[in-house]
PDB file of N, CA and C in Angstrom:
ATOM      1  N   MET A   1      92.180 207.459  47.982  1.00  0.00           N
ATOM      2  CA  MET A   1      90.912 206.980  48.554  1.00  0.00           C
ATOM      3  C   MET A   1      91.000 207.128  50.256  1.00  0.00           C
ATOM      4  N   ARG A   2      89.901 208.132  50.557  1.00  0.00           N
ATOM      5  CA  ARG A   2      90.028 207.931  52.069  1.00  0.00           C
ATOM      6  C   ARG A   2      89.051 207.126  52.533  1.00  0.00           C
ATOM      7  N   HIS A   3      89.476 206.795  53.527  1.00  0.00           N
ATOM      8  CA  HIS A   3      88.122 205.742  54.451  1.00  0.00           C
ATOM      9  C   HIS A   3      87.599 206.472  55.611  1.00  0.00           C
ATOM     10  N   SER A   4      86.087 205.881  56.120  1.00  0.00           N
ATOM     11  CA  SER A   4      85.464 206.083  57.068  1.00  0.00           C
ATOM     12  C   SER A   4      85.782 205.989  58.242  1.00  0.00           C
ATOM     13  N   LEU A   5      86.030 206.895  59.113  1.00  0.00           N
ATOM     14  CA  LEU A   5      86.484 206.400  60.407  1.00  0.00           C
ATOM     15  C   LEU A   5      84.966 205.840  61.612  1.00  0.00           C
ATOM     16  N   GLY A   6      84.179 206.327  61.066  1.00  0.00           N
ATOM     17  CA  GLY A   6      83.324 205.651  61.525  1.00  0.00           C
ATOM     18  C   GLY A   6      82.904 206.619  63.148  1.00  0.00           C
ATOM     19  N   ARG A   7      82.676 205.585  63.909  1.00  0.00           N
ATOM     20  CA  ARG A   7      82.470 206.210  65.680  1.00  0.00           C
ATOM     21  C   ARG A   7      83.592 206.388  65.934  1.00  0.00           C
ATOM     22  N   VAL A   8      84.006 207.511  66.646  1.00  0.00           N
ATOM     23  CA  VAL A   8      85.598 207.109  67.161  1.00  0.00           C
ATOM     24  C   VAL A   8      85.284 207.045  68.643  1.00  0.00           C
ATOM     25  N   VAL A   9      86.497 206.770  69.141  1.00  0.00           N
ATOM     26  CA  VAL A   9      86.688 206.683  70.552  1.00  0.00           C
ATOM     27  C   VAL A   9      88.223 206.819  71.140  1.00  0.00           C
ATOM     28  N   ALA A  10      88.222 206.889  72.327  1.00  0.00           N
ATOM     29  CA  ALA A  10      89.663 206.696  72.811  1.00  0.00           C
ATOM     30  C   ALA A  10      89.850 206.199  73.825  1.00  0.00           C
ATOM     31  N   THR A  11      90.901 205.346  74.552  1.00  0.00           N
ATOM     32  CA  THR A  11      91.174 204.885  75.833  1.00  0.00           C
ATOM     33  C   THR A  11      90.708 205.926  76.635  1.00  0.00           C
ATOM     34  N   ALA A  12      90.417 205.460  78.360  1.00  0.00           N
ATOM     35  CA  ALA A  12      90.326 206.337  78.923  1.00  0.00           C
ATOM     36  C   ALA A  12      91.957 206.980  79.350  1.00  0.00           C
ATOM     37  N   ALA A  13      92.720 206.522  78.906  1.00  0.00           N
ATOM     38  CA  ALA A  13      94.307 206.768  79.323  1.00  0.00           C
ATOM     39  C   ALA A  13      94.615 207.848  77.987  1.00  0.00           C
ATOM     40  N   VAL A  14      94.239 207.409  77.012  1.00  0.00           N
ATOM     41  CA  VAL A  14      94.399 208.650  76.098  1.00  0.00           C
ATOM     42  C   VAL A  14      93.687 209.684  76.254  1.00  0.00           C
ATOM     43  N   ALA A  15      92.230 209.680  76.121  1.00  0.00           N
ATOM     44  CA  ALA A  15      91.620 210.795  76.719  1.00  0.00           C
ATOM     45  C   ALA A  15      91.815 211.710  78.166  1.00  0.00           C
ATOM     46  N   ALA A  16      92.207 210.956  78.654  1.00  0.00           N
ATOM     47  CA  ALA A  16      92.875 211.793  80.253  1.00  0.00           C
ATOM     48  C   ALA A  16      94.265 212.272  79.976  1.00  0.00           C
ATOM     49  N   SER A  17      94.866 212.190  78.894  1.00  0.00           N
ATOM     50  CA  SER A  17      96.740 212.656  78.694  1.00  0.00           C
ATOM     51  C   SER A  17      96.990 213.395  77.546  1.00  0.00           C
ATOM     52  N   VAL A  18      96.055 213.079  76.591  1.00  0.00           N
ATOM     53  CA  VAL A  18      96.712 213.612  75.452  1.00  0.00           C
ATOM     54  C   VAL A  18      95.597 214.600  74.710  1.00  0.00           C
ATOM     55  N   PRO A  19      95.967 215.860  74.476  1.00  0.00           N
ATOM     56  CA  PRO A  19      94.943 217.017  74.089  1.00  0.00           C
ATOM     57  C   PRO A  19      94.302 216.382  73.126  1.00  0.00           C
ATOM     58  N   GLU A  20      92.623 217.121  72.910  1.00  0.00           N
ATOM     59  CA  GLU A  20      92.061 216.829  71.607  1.00  0.00           C
ATOM     60  C   GLU A  20      92.705 217.295  70.604  1.00  0.00           C
ATOM     61  N   ALA A  21      93.392 218.353  70.352  1.00  0.00           N
ATOM     62  CA  ALA A  21      94.042 218.734  69.206  1.00  0.00           C
ATOM     63  C   ALA A  21      95.156 217.975  68.347  1.00  0.00           C
ATOM     64  N   VAL A  22      95.737 217.480  69.460  1.00  0.00           N
ATOM     65  CA  VAL A  22      96.870 216.269  69.164  1.00  0.00           C
ATOM     66  C   VAL A  22      96.221 214.834  68.382  1.00  0.00           C
ATOM     67  N   ILE A  23      94.890 214.667  69.387  1.00  0.00           N
ATOM     68  CA  ILE A  23      93.971 213.199  68.767  1.00  0.00           C
ATOM     69  C   ILE A  23      93.593 213.802  67.315  1.00  0.00           C
ATOM     70  N   VAL A  24      93.005 214.737  67.256  1.00  0.00           N
ATOM     71  CA  VAL A  24      92.593 215.529  66.088  1.00  0.00           C
ATOM     72  C   VAL A  24      93.333 215.039  64.825  1.00  0.00           C
ATOM     73  N   GLY A  25      94.405 215.497  65.252  1.00  0.00           N
ATOM     74  CA  GLY A  25      95.554 215.988  64.056  1.00  0.00           C
ATOM     75  C   GLY A  25      95.874 214.292  63.911  1.00  0.00           C
ATOM     76  N   LEU A  26      95.923 213.602  64.776  1.00  0.00           N
ATOM     77  CA  LEU A  26      96.082 211.959  64.175  1.00  0.00           C
ATOM     78  C   LEU A  26      95.661 211.421  63.856  1.00  0.00           C
ATOM     79  N   LEU A  27      94.095 211.540  64.106  1.00  0.00           N
ATOM     80  CA  LEU A  27      93.004 211.180  63.250  1.00  0.00           C
ATOM     81  C   LEU A  27      92.943 211.475  61.540  1.00  0.00           C
ATOM     82  N   ASP A  28      93.348 213.264  61.519  1.00  0.00           N
ATOM     83  CA  ASP A  28      93.405 213.770  60.266  1.00  0.00           C
ATOM     84  C   ASP A  28      94.372 212.786  59.269  1.00  0.00           C
ATOM     85  N   ARG A  29      95.685 212.882  60.131  1.00  0.00           N
ATOM     86  CA  ARG A  29      96.654 211.895  59.337  1.00  0.00           C
ATOM     87  C   ARG A  29      96.284 210.379  58.906  1.00  0.00           C
ATOM     88  N   HIS A  30      95.694 209.640  59.977  1.00  0.00           N
ATOM     89  CA  HIS A  30      95.162 208.329  59.670  1.00  0.00           C
ATOM     90  C   HIS A  30      94.013 208.411  58.575  1.00  0.00           C
ATOM     91  N   VAL A  31      93.261 209.006  58.583  1.00  0.00           N
ATOM     92  CA  VAL A  31      92.332 209.231  57.617  1.00  0.00           C
ATOM     93  C   VAL A  31      92.841 209.863  56.144  1.00  0.00           C
ATOM     94  N   ALA A  32      93.736 210.410  56.105  1.00  0.00           N
ATOM     95  CA  ALA A  32      94.682 210.678  54.784  1.00  0.00           C
ATOM     96  C   ALA A  32      95.334 209.784  54.602  1.00  0.00           C
ATOM     97  N   ARG A  33      95.721 208.461  55.458  1.00  0.00           N
ATOM     98  CA  ARG A  33      96.427 207.094  54.688  1.00  0.00           C
ATOM     99  C   ARG A  33      97.723 207.428  55.052  1.00  0.00           C
ATOM    100  N   ASP A  34      98.054 208.565  56.102  1.00  0.00           N
ATOM    101  CA  ASP A  34      99.220 208.467  56.576  1.00  0.00           C
ATOM    102  C   ASP A  34      99.436 207.780  57.637  1.00  0.00           C
ATOM    103  N   TRP A  35     100.256 206.263  57.311  1.00  0.00           N
ATOM    104  CA  TRP A  35     100.777 205.405  58.530  1.00  0.00           C
ATOM    105  C   TRP A  35     100.862 205.538  59.743  1.00  0.00           C
ATOM    106  N   GLY A  36     102.008 207.186  59.758  1.00  0.00           N
ATOM    107  CA  GLY A  36     102.635 207.156  60.718  1.00  0.00           C
ATOM    108  C   GLY A  36     104.018 206.188  60.546  1.00  0.00           C
ATOM    109  N   ASP A  37     104.491 205.760  61.697  1.00  0.00           N
ATOM    110  CA  ASP A  37     105.676 205.281  62.140  1.00  0.00           C
ATOM    111  C   ASP A  37     105.536 203.614  61.838  1.00  0.00           C
ATOM    112  N   LEU A  38     104.841 203.337  60.831  1.00  0.00           N
ATOM    113  CA  LEU A  38     104.770 201.870  60.629  1.00  0.00           C
ATOM    114  C   LEU A  38     106.125 201.374  59.672  1.00  0.00           C
ATOM    115  N   ASP A  39     106.790 200.223  59.512  1.00  0.00           N
ATOM    116  CA  ASP A  39     107.494 199.899  58.765  1.00  0.00           C
ATOM    117  C   ASP A  39     106.969 199.809  57.272  1.00  0.00           C
ATOM    118  N   ALA A  40     107.604 199.426  56.427  1.00  0.00           N
ATOM    119  CA  ALA A  40     106.926 199.187  55.036  1.00  0.00           C
ATOM    120  C   ALA A  40     105.997 198.275  54.849  1.00  0.00           C
ATOM    121  N   GLU A  41     106.543 197.323  55.167  1.00  0.00           N
ATOM    122  CA  GLU A  41     105.637 196.025  55.058  1.00  0.00           C
ATOM    123  C   GLU A  41     104.271 196.217  55.558  1.00  0.00           C
ATOM    124  N   ASP A  42     104.029 196.703  56.628  1.00  0.00           N
ATOM    125  CA  ASP A  42     102.386 197.405  57.624  1.00  0.00           C
ATOM    126  C   ASP A  42     101.995 198.242  56.583  1.00  0.00           C
ATOM    127  N   LYS A  43     102.744 199.304  56.315  1.00  0.00           N
ATOM    128  CA  LYS A  43     102.274 200.319  55.289  1.00  0.00           C
ATOM    129  C   LYS A  43     101.274 199.619  54.118  1.00  0.00           C
ATOM    130  N   ALA A  44     102.390 199.160  53.589  1.00  0.00           N
ATOM    131  CA  ALA A  44     101.954 198.547  51.911  1.00  0.00           C
ATOM    132  C   ALA A  44     100.621 197.579  52.686  1.00  0.00           C
ATOM    133  N   ALA A  45     100.493 197.077  53.566  1.00  0.00           N
ATOM    134  CA  ALA A  45      99.287 196.118  53.978  1.00  0.00           C
ATOM    135  C   ALA A  45      98.134 197.007  54.045  1.00  0.00           C
ATOM    136  N   ASN A  46      98.185 198.487  54.942  1.00  0.00           N
ATOM    137  CA  ASN A  46      97.596 198.921  54.726  1.00  0.00           C
ATOM    138  C   ASN A  46      96.640 199.877  53.593  1.00  0.00           C
ATOM    139  N   ASP A  47      98.013 199.517  52.748  1.00  0.00           N
ATOM    140  CA  ASP A  47      97.320 200.488  51.025  1.00  0.00           C
ATOM    141  C   ASP A  47      96.858 199.198  50.014  1.00  0.00           C
ATOM    142  N   ALA A  48      97.226 197.971  50.391  1.00  0.00           N
ATOM    143  CA  ALA A  48      96.502 197.446  49.491  1.00  0.00           C
ATOM    144  C   ALA A  48      94.912 197.384  49.081  1.00  0.00           C
ATOM    145  N   ASP A  49      94.192 197.763  48.066  1.00  0.00           N
ATOM    146  CA  ASP A  49      93.045 197.629  47.917  1.00  0.00           C
ATOM    147  C   ASP A  49      92.063 196.586  48.929  1.00  0.00           C
ATOM    148  N   HIS A  50      92.370 195.982  49.255  1.00  0.00           N
ATOM    149  CA  HIS A  50      91.672 194.971  50.413  1.00  0.00           C
ATOM    150  C   HIS A  50      91.546 195.080  51.698  1.00  0.00           C
ATOM    151  N   SER A  51      92.892 195.785  52.047  1.00  0.00           N
ATOM    152  CA  SER A  51      92.789 196.074  53.574  1.00  0.00           C
ATOM    153  C   SER A  51      91.742 196.599  54.269  1.00  0.00           C
ATOM    154  N   TYR A  52      91.168 197.307  53.923  1.00  0.00           N
ATOM    155  CA  TYR A  52      89.819 198.108  54.439  1.00  0.00           C
ATOM    156  C   TYR A  52      88.577 197.115  54.422  1.00  0.00           C
ATOM    157  N   ALA A  53      88.454 196.521  53.292  1.00  0.00           N
ATOM    158  CA  ALA A  53      87.452 195.683  52.986  1.00  0.00           C
ATOM    159  C   ALA A  53      87.684 194.480  53.717  1.00  0.00           C
ATOM    160  N   GLU A  54      88.953 194.087  54.408  1.00  0.00           N
ATOM    161  CA  GLU A  54      89.084 192.938  55.469  1.00  0.00           C
ATOM    162  C   GLU A  54      88.746 193.596  56.855  1.00  0.00           C
ATOM    163  N   GLY A  55      88.316 195.009  56.865  1.00  0.00           N
ATOM    164  CA  GLY A  55      88.020 195.221  58.599  1.00  0.00           C
ATOM    165  C   GLY A  55      88.939 195.556  59.425  1.00  0.00           C
ATOM    166  N   ARG A  56      90.411 196.178  58.875  1.00  0.00           N
ATOM    167  CA  ARG A  56      91.065 196.811  59.430  1.00  0.00           C
ATOM    168  C   ARG A  56      92.333 197.293  58.853  1.00  0.00           C
ATOM    169  N   LEU A  57      92.522 198.887  59.334  1.00  0.00           N
ATOM    170  CA  LEU A  57      93.346 199.729  59.157  1.00  0.00           C
ATOM    171  C   LEU A  57      94.134 199.903  60.513  1.00  0.00           C
ATOM    172  N   PHE A  58      95.259 200.109  60.471  1.00  0.00           N
ATOM    173  CA  PHE A  58      96.228 200.288  61.712  1.00  0.00           C
ATOM    174  C   PHE A  58      97.377 201.336  61.722  1.00  0.00           C
ATOM    175  N   SER A  59      97.642 202.665  62.521  1.00  0.00           N
ATOM    176  CA  SER A  59      98.433 203.395  62.280  1.00  0.00           C
ATOM    177  C   SER A  59      99.297 203.843  63.522  1.00  0.00           C
ATOM    178  N   SER A  60     100.505 204.065  63.644  1.00  0.00           N
ATOM    179  CA  SER A  60     101.394 204.276  64.739  1.00  0.00           C
ATOM    180  C   SER A  60     101.755 205.561  64.517  1.00  0.00           C
ATOM    181  N   TYR A  61     101.878 206.211  66.015  1.00  0.00           N
ATOM    182  CA  TYR A  61     102.362 207.573  65.595  1.00  0.00           C
ATOM    183  C   TYR A  61     103.414 207.983  67.135  1.00  0.00           C
ATOM    184  N   ASP A  62     104.354 208.068  67.009  1.00  0.00           N
ATOM    185  CA  ASP A  62     105.478 208.464  67.706  1.00  0.00           C
ATOM    186  C   ASP A  62     105.318 209.686  67.943  1.00  0.00           C
ATOM    187  N   THR A  63     104.906 210.236  69.189  1.00  0.00           N
ATOM    188  CA  THR A  63     104.760 211.882  69.718  1.00  0.00           C
ATOM    189  C   THR A  63     105.761 212.310  70.198  1.00  0.00           C
ATOM    190  N   GLU A  64     106.101 213.149  70.508  1.00  0.00           N
ATOM    191  CA  GLU A  64     107.122 213.859  71.501  1.00  0.00           C
ATOM    192  C   GLU A  64     106.878 213.741  73.049  1.00  0.00           C
ATOM    193  N   GLU A  65     105.552 214.298  72.978  1.00  0.00           N
ATOM    194  CA  GLU A  65     105.067 214.562  74.724  1.00  0.00           C
ATOM    195  C   GLU A  65     104.303 213.099  75.215  1.00  0.00           C
ATOM    196  N   HIS A  66     103.790 212.571  74.167  1.00  0.00           N
ATOM    197  CA  HIS A  66     102.837 211.489  74.675  1.00  0.00           C
ATOM    198  C   HIS A  66     103.286 209.798  74.532  1.00  0.00           C
ATOM    199  N   GLY A  67     104.482 209.963  73.737  1.00  0.00           N
ATOM    200  CA  GLY A  67     104.871 208.746  73.240  1.00  0.00           C
ATOM    201  C   GLY A  67     104.377 208.085  71.986  1.00  0.00           C
ATOM    202  N   THR A  68     104.237 206.910  72.189  1.00  0.00           N
ATOM    203  CA  THR A  68     103.804 206.300  70.980  1.00  0.00           C
ATOM    204  C   THR A  68     102.122 205.952  71.535  1.00  0.00           C
ATOM    205  N   ILE A  69     101.289 206.403  69.888  1.00  0.00           N
ATOM    206  CA  ILE A  69      99.843 206.597  70.185  1.00  0.00           C
ATOM    207  C   ILE A  69      99.307 205.903  68.732  1.00  0.00           C
ATOM    208  N   TRP A  70      98.533 204.566  68.610  1.00  0.00           N
ATOM    209  CA  TRP A  70      97.961 203.591  67.763  1.00  0.00           C
ATOM    210  C   TRP A  70      96.749 204.510  67.497  1.00  0.00           C
ATOM    211  N   VAL A  71      96.505 204.194  66.247  1.00  0.00           N
ATOM    212  CA  VAL A  71      94.960 204.758  65.979  1.00  0.00           C
ATOM    213  C   VAL A  71      94.208 203.415  65.206  1.00  0.00           C
ATOM    214  N   ILE A  72      93.185 202.576  65.233  1.00  0.00           N
ATOM    215  CA  ILE A  72      92.658 201.736  64.647  1.00  0.00           C
ATOM    216  C   ILE A  72      91.694 201.997  63.965  1.00  0.00           C
ATOM    217  N   THR A  73      91.726 201.432  63.100  1.00  0.00           N
ATOM    218  CA  THR A  73      89.864 201.576  62.110  1.00  0.00           C
ATOM    219  C   THR A  73      89.375 199.953  61.789  1.00  0.00           C
ATOM    220  N   GLU A  74      88.711 199.364  62.542  1.00  0.00           N
ATOM    221  CA  GLU A  74      87.856 198.300  62.181  1.00  0.00           C
ATOM    222  C   GLU A  74      86.265 198.621  61.428  1.00  0.00           C
ATOM    223  N   ASP A  75      86.506 197.855  60.629  1.00  0.00           N
ATOM    224  CA  ASP A  75      84.992 197.563  60.095  1.00  0.00           C
ATOM    225  C   ASP A  75      84.480 196.529  60.515  1.00  0.00           C
ATOM    226  N   LEU A  76      83.098 196.826  61.539  1.00  0.00           N
ATOM    227  CA  LEU A  76      82.375 196.161  62.205  1.00  0.00           C
ATOM    228  C   LEU A  76      80.743 196.091  61.579  1.00  0.00           C
ATOM    229  N   ARG A  77      81.004 196.092  60.569  1.00  0.00           N
ATOM    230  CA  ARG A  77      79.619 196.267  59.518  1.00  0.00           C
ATOM    231  C   ARG A  77      78.333 195.246  60.490  1.00  0.00           C
ATOM    232  N   GLY A  78      79.179 193.733  60.505  1.00  0.00           N
ATOM    233  CA  GLY A  78      78.010 192.956  60.943  1.00  0.00           C
ATOM    234  C   GLY A  78      77.743 193.139  62.730  1.00  0.00           C
ATOM    235  N   GLU A  79      78.561 193.603  63.321  1.00  0.00           N
ATOM    236  CA  GLU A  79      78.522 193.394  64.887  1.00  0.00           C
ATOM    237  C   GLU A  79      78.358 194.857  65.283  1.00  0.00           C
ATOM    238  N   ALA A  80      78.818 195.987  64.792  1.00  0.00           N
ATOM    239  CA  ALA A  80      78.670 197.168  65.354  1.00  0.00           C
ATOM    240  C   ALA A  80      77.690 198.498  64.580  1.00  0.00           C
ATOM    241  N   GLY A  81      77.495 197.872  63.541  1.00  0.00           N
ATOM    242  CA  GLY A  81      76.585 198.571  62.431  1.00  0.00           C
ATOM    243  C   GLY A  81      77.349 199.715  61.490  1.00  0.00           C
ATOM    244  N   GLY A  82      79.027 199.347  61.533  1.00  0.00           N
ATOM    245  CA  GLY A  82      79.889 199.992  60.626  1.00  0.00           C
ATOM    246  C   GLY A  82      81.344 200.530  61.524  1.00  0.00           C
ATOM    247  N   PRO A  83      81.887 201.309  60.685  1.00  0.00           N
ATOM    248  CA  PRO A  83      83.692 201.264  61.543  1.00  0.00           C
ATOM    249  C   PRO A  83      83.552 201.801  62.484  1.00  0.00           C
ATOM    250  N   ILE A  84      84.252 201.477  63.100  1.00  0.00           N
ATOM    251  CA  ILE A  84      84.764 202.186  64.335  1.00  0.00           C
ATOM    252  C   ILE A  84      86.451 202.197  64.772  1.00  0.00           C
ATOM    253  N   THR A  85      86.731 203.502  65.073  1.00  0.00           N
ATOM    254  CA  THR A  85      88.342 203.991  65.163  1.00  0.00           C
ATOM    255  C   THR A  85      88.695 204.223  66.678  1.00  0.00           C
ATOM    256  N   THR A  86      89.883 203.514  66.848  1.00  0.00           N
ATOM    257  CA  THR A  86      90.133 203.732  68.212  1.00  0.00           C
ATOM    258  C   THR A  86      91.169 204.524  68.544  1.00  0.00           C
ATOM    259  N   VAL A  87      91.598 205.513  69.305  1.00  0.00           N
ATOM    260  CA  VAL A  87      92.804 205.897  69.479  1.00  0.00           C
ATOM    261  C   VAL A  87      93.169 205.504  70.935  1.00  0.00           C
ATOM    262  N   LEU A  88      94.261 204.750  71.045  1.00  0.00           N
ATOM    263  CA  LEU A  88      94.774 204.389  72.248  1.00  0.00           C
ATOM    264  C   LEU A  88      96.481 204.131  72.155  1.00  0.00           C
ATOM    265  N   PHE A  89      97.205 203.772  73.682  1.00  0.00           N
ATOM    266  CA  PHE A  89      98.366 203.579  73.725  1.00  0.00           C
ATOM    267  C   PHE A  89      99.043 202.223  73.578  1.00  0.00           C
ATOM    268  N   PRO A  90     100.026 201.615  72.978  1.00  0.00           N
ATOM    269  CA  PRO A  90      99.981 200.409  72.686  1.00  0.00           C
ATOM    270  C   PRO A  90      99.855 199.417  73.957  1.00  0.00           C
ATOM    271  N   GLU A  91     100.012 200.068  75.256  1.00  0.00           N
ATOM    272  CA  GLU A  91      99.550 199.410  76.433  1.00  0.00           C
ATOM    273  C   GLU A  91      98.503 199.130  77.047  1.00  0.00           C
ATOM    274  N   ASP A  92      97.703 199.821  76.233  1.00  0.00           N
ATOM    275  CA  ASP A  92      96.087 199.498  76.405  1.00  0.00           C
ATOM    276  C   ASP A  92      95.611 198.388  75.633  1.00  0.00           C
ATOM    277  N   TYR A  93      96.656 197.719  74.369  1.00  0.00           N
ATOM    278  CA  TYR A  93      95.756 197.381  73.472  1.00  0.00           C
ATOM    279  C   TYR A  93      95.720 195.311  74.380  1.00  0.00           C
TER     280      TYR A  93
END
């Protein structure tokens, strides 16, 4: 089952240094439930039926040219009107 990305944003550092095609590719993997370079426990947590219902999905991708890039989808229905997906470097967190 796929989840909604909702509104997609990137940190200034990612927007300035990562080509749009790379970002779109990572978003495609994230929405397809390919969690990237997470350990088995974190992947299982994302795959659990309740994970998105509880408000957060996390992916981590190690890229050759840009290092590690995270993609986090949070369901902020009560706060922001729906899901928001952020693309960021770990140091941006």
